[in-house]
Amino acid sequence: MKNNKSVFRVMAMLFVMIFHAQYTFSQDIDMADRMRSEGKIYVVVAVLSIIFIGILAYLLLIENKLKKLEKTQKKKS
């Protein structure tokens, strides 16, 4: 019972810290507005999209290679 109370307290403190961080971060939106007005935000989104697509393609390639290895392993045994 005592352990549950301490876990609850830690979780409550983490939630308070997260909500406080989100509140203070939302106050600094001027940077995002400036980037959007200058058109730089689209470059950031494009770069992040390319990175995400690259990671996704790499994972799919690895998955296909793994399936081929599993098929050859089953044929050998």
N, C-alpha and C. Protein backbone atom coordinates (compact mmCIF):
# COMPACT_ATOMS: atom_id res chain seq x y z
N MET A 1 0.82 -1.19 0.00
CA MET A 1 0.00 0.00 0.00
C MET A 1 0.86 1.25 0.00
N LYS A 2 1.93 1.22 0.78
CA LYS A 2 2.81 2.37 0.87
C LYS A 2 3.51 2.61 -0.46
N ASN A 3 3.85 1.52 -1.16
CA ASN A 3 4.51 1.62 -2.45
C ASN A 3 3.58 2.25 -3.49
N ASN A 4 2.29 1.94 -3.44
CA ASN A 4 1.33 2.51 -4.38
C ASN A 4 1.21 4.01 -4.22
N LYS A 5 1.27 4.48 -2.97
CA LYS A 5 1.19 5.92 -2.73
C LYS A 5 2.39 6.64 -3.32
N SER A 6 3.57 6.06 -3.17
CA SER A 6 4.76 6.73 -3.71
C SER A 6 4.75 6.72 -5.23
N VAL A 7 4.26 5.64 -5.83
CA VAL A 7 4.15 5.60 -7.29
C VAL A 7 3.15 6.66 -7.76
N PHE A 8 2.05 6.79 -7.06
CA PHE A 8 1.06 7.80 -7.42
C PHE A 8 1.64 9.21 -7.30
N ARG A 9 2.41 9.45 -6.26
CA ARG A 9 3.01 10.78 -6.08
C ARG A 9 4.00 11.10 -7.20
N VAL A 10 4.81 10.12 -7.58
CA VAL A 10 5.77 10.34 -8.65
C VAL A 10 5.04 10.62 -9.96
N MET A 11 3.99 9.86 -10.24
CA MET A 11 3.22 10.07 -11.47
C MET A 11 2.56 11.44 -11.47
N ALA A 12 2.05 11.85 -10.32
CA ALA A 12 1.41 13.16 -10.23
C ALA A 12 2.42 14.27 -10.47
N MET A 13 3.62 14.13 -9.91
CA MET A 13 4.65 15.14 -10.14
C MET A 13 5.06 15.19 -11.61
N LEU A 14 5.14 14.03 -12.25
CA LEU A 14 5.49 14.02 -13.67
C LEU A 14 4.43 14.69 -14.51
N PHE A 15 3.16 14.45 -14.20
CA PHE A 15 2.08 15.09 -14.94
C PHE A 15 2.13 16.61 -14.78
N VAL A 16 2.40 17.06 -13.57
CA VAL A 16 2.48 18.50 -13.33
C VAL A 16 3.63 19.10 -14.13
N MET A 17 4.78 18.41 -14.15
CA MET A 17 5.92 18.91 -14.90
C MET A 17 5.63 18.94 -16.40
N ILE A 18 4.95 17.92 -16.91
CA ILE A 18 4.63 17.87 -18.34
C ILE A 18 3.69 19.00 -18.71
N PHE A 19 2.65 19.20 -17.92
CA PHE A 19 1.69 20.26 -18.23
C PHE A 19 2.32 21.64 -18.11
N HIS A 20 3.20 21.81 -17.15
CA HIS A 20 3.89 23.09 -17.01
C HIS A 20 4.80 23.33 -18.21
N ALA A 21 5.50 22.28 -18.66
CA ALA A 21 6.38 22.43 -19.82
C ALA A 21 5.59 22.76 -21.07
N GLN A 22 4.42 22.17 -21.23
CA GLN A 22 3.60 22.47 -22.40
C GLN A 22 3.09 23.91 -22.33
N TYR A 23 2.77 24.38 -21.16
CA TYR A 23 2.28 25.75 -21.02
C TYR A 23 3.37 26.75 -21.36
N THR A 24 4.57 26.53 -20.84
CA THR A 24 5.65 27.47 -21.11
C THR A 24 6.09 27.39 -22.57
N PHE A 25 5.99 26.20 -23.16
CA PHE A 25 6.36 26.07 -24.57
C PHE A 25 5.35 26.78 -25.46
N SER A 26 4.09 26.74 -25.08
CA SER A 26 3.07 27.39 -25.90
C SER A 26 3.21 28.91 -25.88
N GLN A 27 3.94 29.45 -24.92
CA GLN A 27 4.16 30.89 -24.87
C GLN A 27 5.18 31.34 -25.92
N ASP A 28 6.02 30.41 -26.39
CA ASP A 28 7.09 30.75 -27.33
C ASP A 28 6.72 30.40 -28.77
N ILE A 29 5.51 30.66 -29.19
CA ILE A 29 5.07 30.32 -30.53
C ILE A 29 5.52 31.37 -31.54
N ASP A 30 6.08 32.45 -31.09
CA ASP A 30 6.53 33.50 -32.01
C ASP A 30 7.53 32.96 -33.03
N MET A 31 8.38 32.03 -32.59
CA MET A 31 9.36 31.45 -33.50
C MET A 31 8.66 30.71 -34.63
N ALA A 32 7.64 29.92 -34.30
CA ALA A 32 6.91 29.18 -35.32
C ALA A 32 6.17 30.12 -36.26
N ASP A 33 5.60 31.19 -35.73
CA ASP A 33 4.92 32.16 -36.58
C ASP A 33 5.89 32.85 -37.53
N ARG A 34 7.07 33.18 -37.01
CA ARG A 34 8.07 33.84 -37.85
C ARG A 34 8.55 32.89 -38.95
N MET A 35 8.78 31.63 -38.60
CA MET A 35 9.23 30.66 -39.61
C MET A 35 8.16 30.45 -40.67
N ARG A 36 6.90 30.42 -40.23
CA ARG A 36 5.81 30.24 -41.18
C ARG A 36 5.69 31.44 -42.11
N SER A 37 5.85 32.63 -41.56
CA SER A 37 5.73 33.83 -42.39
C SER A 37 6.88 33.94 -43.39
N GLU A 38 8.06 33.43 -43.03
CA GLU A 38 9.20 33.48 -43.94
C GLU A 38 9.24 32.28 -44.89
N GLY A 39 8.36 31.30 -44.68
CA GLY A 39 8.32 30.14 -45.54
C GLY A 39 9.31 29.05 -45.17
N LYS A 40 10.01 29.20 -44.07
CA LYS A 40 11.00 28.21 -43.66
C LYS A 40 10.37 26.97 -43.04
N ILE A 41 9.17 27.11 -42.51
CA ILE A 41 8.54 25.98 -41.86
C ILE A 41 8.27 24.86 -42.85
N TYR A 42 8.03 25.23 -44.12
CA TYR A 42 7.78 24.22 -45.13
C TYR A 42 9.04 23.42 -45.44
N VAL A 43 10.18 24.05 -45.34
CA VAL A 43 11.45 23.35 -45.52
C VAL A 43 11.65 22.35 -44.39
N VAL A 44 11.34 22.76 -43.19
CA VAL A 44 11.48 21.87 -42.03
C VAL A 44 10.56 20.67 -42.18
N VAL A 45 9.32 20.92 -42.57
CA VAL A 45 8.35 19.83 -42.75
C VAL A 45 8.82 18.90 -43.86
N ALA A 46 9.33 19.45 -44.95
CA ALA A 46 9.81 18.63 -46.06
C ALA A 46 10.98 17.74 -45.64
N VAL A 47 11.93 18.30 -44.91
CA VAL A 47 13.09 17.53 -44.46
C VAL A 47 12.65 16.42 -43.51
N LEU A 48 11.77 16.74 -42.58
CA LEU A 48 11.29 15.71 -41.65
C LEU A 48 10.52 14.62 -42.38
N SER A 49 9.75 15.00 -43.40
CA SER A 49 9.01 14.01 -44.18
C SER A 49 9.96 13.09 -44.94
N ILE A 50 11.00 13.66 -45.52
CA ILE A 50 11.98 12.84 -46.24
C ILE A 50 12.68 11.87 -45.30
N ILE A 51 13.05 12.34 -44.13
CA ILE A 51 13.70 11.46 -43.15
C ILE A 51 12.76 10.34 -42.74
N PHE A 52 11.50 10.68 -42.47
CA PHE A 52 10.53 9.66 -42.06
C PHE A 52 10.31 8.64 -43.16
N ILE A 53 10.17 9.10 -44.40
CA ILE A 53 9.98 8.17 -45.53
C ILE A 53 11.20 7.28 -45.71
N GLY A 54 12.39 7.84 -45.52
CA GLY A 54 13.61 7.04 -45.62
C GLY A 54 13.68 5.96 -44.56
N ILE A 55 13.34 6.30 -43.34
CA ILE A 55 13.35 5.30 -42.27
C ILE A 55 12.31 4.22 -42.54
N LEU A 56 11.14 4.61 -43.00
CA LEU A 56 10.09 3.65 -43.32
C LEU A 56 10.52 2.72 -44.45
N ALA A 57 11.14 3.26 -45.50
CA ALA A 57 11.61 2.43 -46.61
C ALA A 57 12.69 1.46 -46.14
N TYR A 58 13.58 1.93 -45.29
CA TYR A 58 14.64 1.07 -44.75
C TYR A 58 14.05 -0.08 -43.93
N LEU A 59 13.06 0.22 -43.11
CA LEU A 59 12.43 -0.83 -42.31
C LEU A 59 11.71 -1.84 -43.18
N LEU A 60 11.05 -1.38 -44.23
CA LEU A 60 10.38 -2.31 -45.14
C LEU A 60 11.39 -3.18 -45.88
N LEU A 61 12.52 -2.61 -46.27
CA LEU A 61 13.57 -3.38 -46.93
C LEU A 61 14.11 -4.46 -46.00
N ILE A 62 14.35 -4.11 -44.77
CA ILE A 62 14.84 -5.10 -43.79
C ILE A 62 13.81 -6.20 -43.57
N GLU A 63 12.53 -5.82 -43.53
CA GLU A 63 11.48 -6.81 -43.33
C GLU A 63 11.44 -7.79 -44.49
N ASN A 64 11.57 -7.29 -45.71
CA ASN A 64 11.57 -8.18 -46.87
C ASN A 64 12.76 -9.13 -46.85
N LYS A 65 13.92 -8.63 -46.49
CA LYS A 65 15.11 -9.48 -46.40
C LYS A 65 14.93 -10.55 -45.32
N LEU A 66 14.32 -10.16 -44.22
CA LEU A 66 14.09 -11.11 -43.13
C LEU A 66 13.12 -12.20 -43.55
N LYS A 67 12.08 -11.84 -44.30
CA LYS A 67 11.14 -12.85 -44.80
C LYS A 67 11.82 -13.84 -45.73
N LYS A 68 12.70 -13.34 -46.60
CA LYS A 68 13.44 -14.23 -47.50
C LYS A 68 14.33 -15.18 -46.72
N LEU A 69 15.01 -14.67 -45.69
CA LEU A 69 15.86 -15.52 -44.86
C LEU A 69 15.04 -16.58 -44.13
N GLU A 70 13.87 -16.20 -43.64
CA GLU A 70 13.02 -17.17 -42.95
C GLU A 70 12.55 -18.26 -43.90
N LYS A 71 12.22 -17.90 -45.14
CA LYS A 71 11.79 -18.90 -46.13
C LYS A 71 12.91 -19.87 -46.45
N THR A 72 14.13 -19.34 -46.66
CA THR A 72 15.25 -20.23 -46.95
C THR A 72 15.60 -21.11 -45.76
N GLN A 73 15.42 -20.59 -44.57
CA GLN A 73 15.69 -21.37 -43.36
C GLN A 73 14.69 -22.52 -43.23
N LYS A 74 13.42 -22.25 -43.57
CA LYS A 74 12.41 -23.30 -43.48
C LYS A 74 12.64 -24.37 -44.54
N LYS A 75 13.12 -24.00 -45.74
CA LYS A 75 13.39 -24.96 -46.79
C LYS A 75 14.55 -25.88 -46.43
N LYS A 76 15.56 -25.33 -45.74
CA LYS A 76 16.72 -26.12 -45.35
C LYS A 76 16.40 -27.12 -44.25
N SER A 77 15.47 -26.82 -43.40
CA SER A 77 15.19 -27.72 -42.27
C SER A 77 14.03 -28.62 -42.53
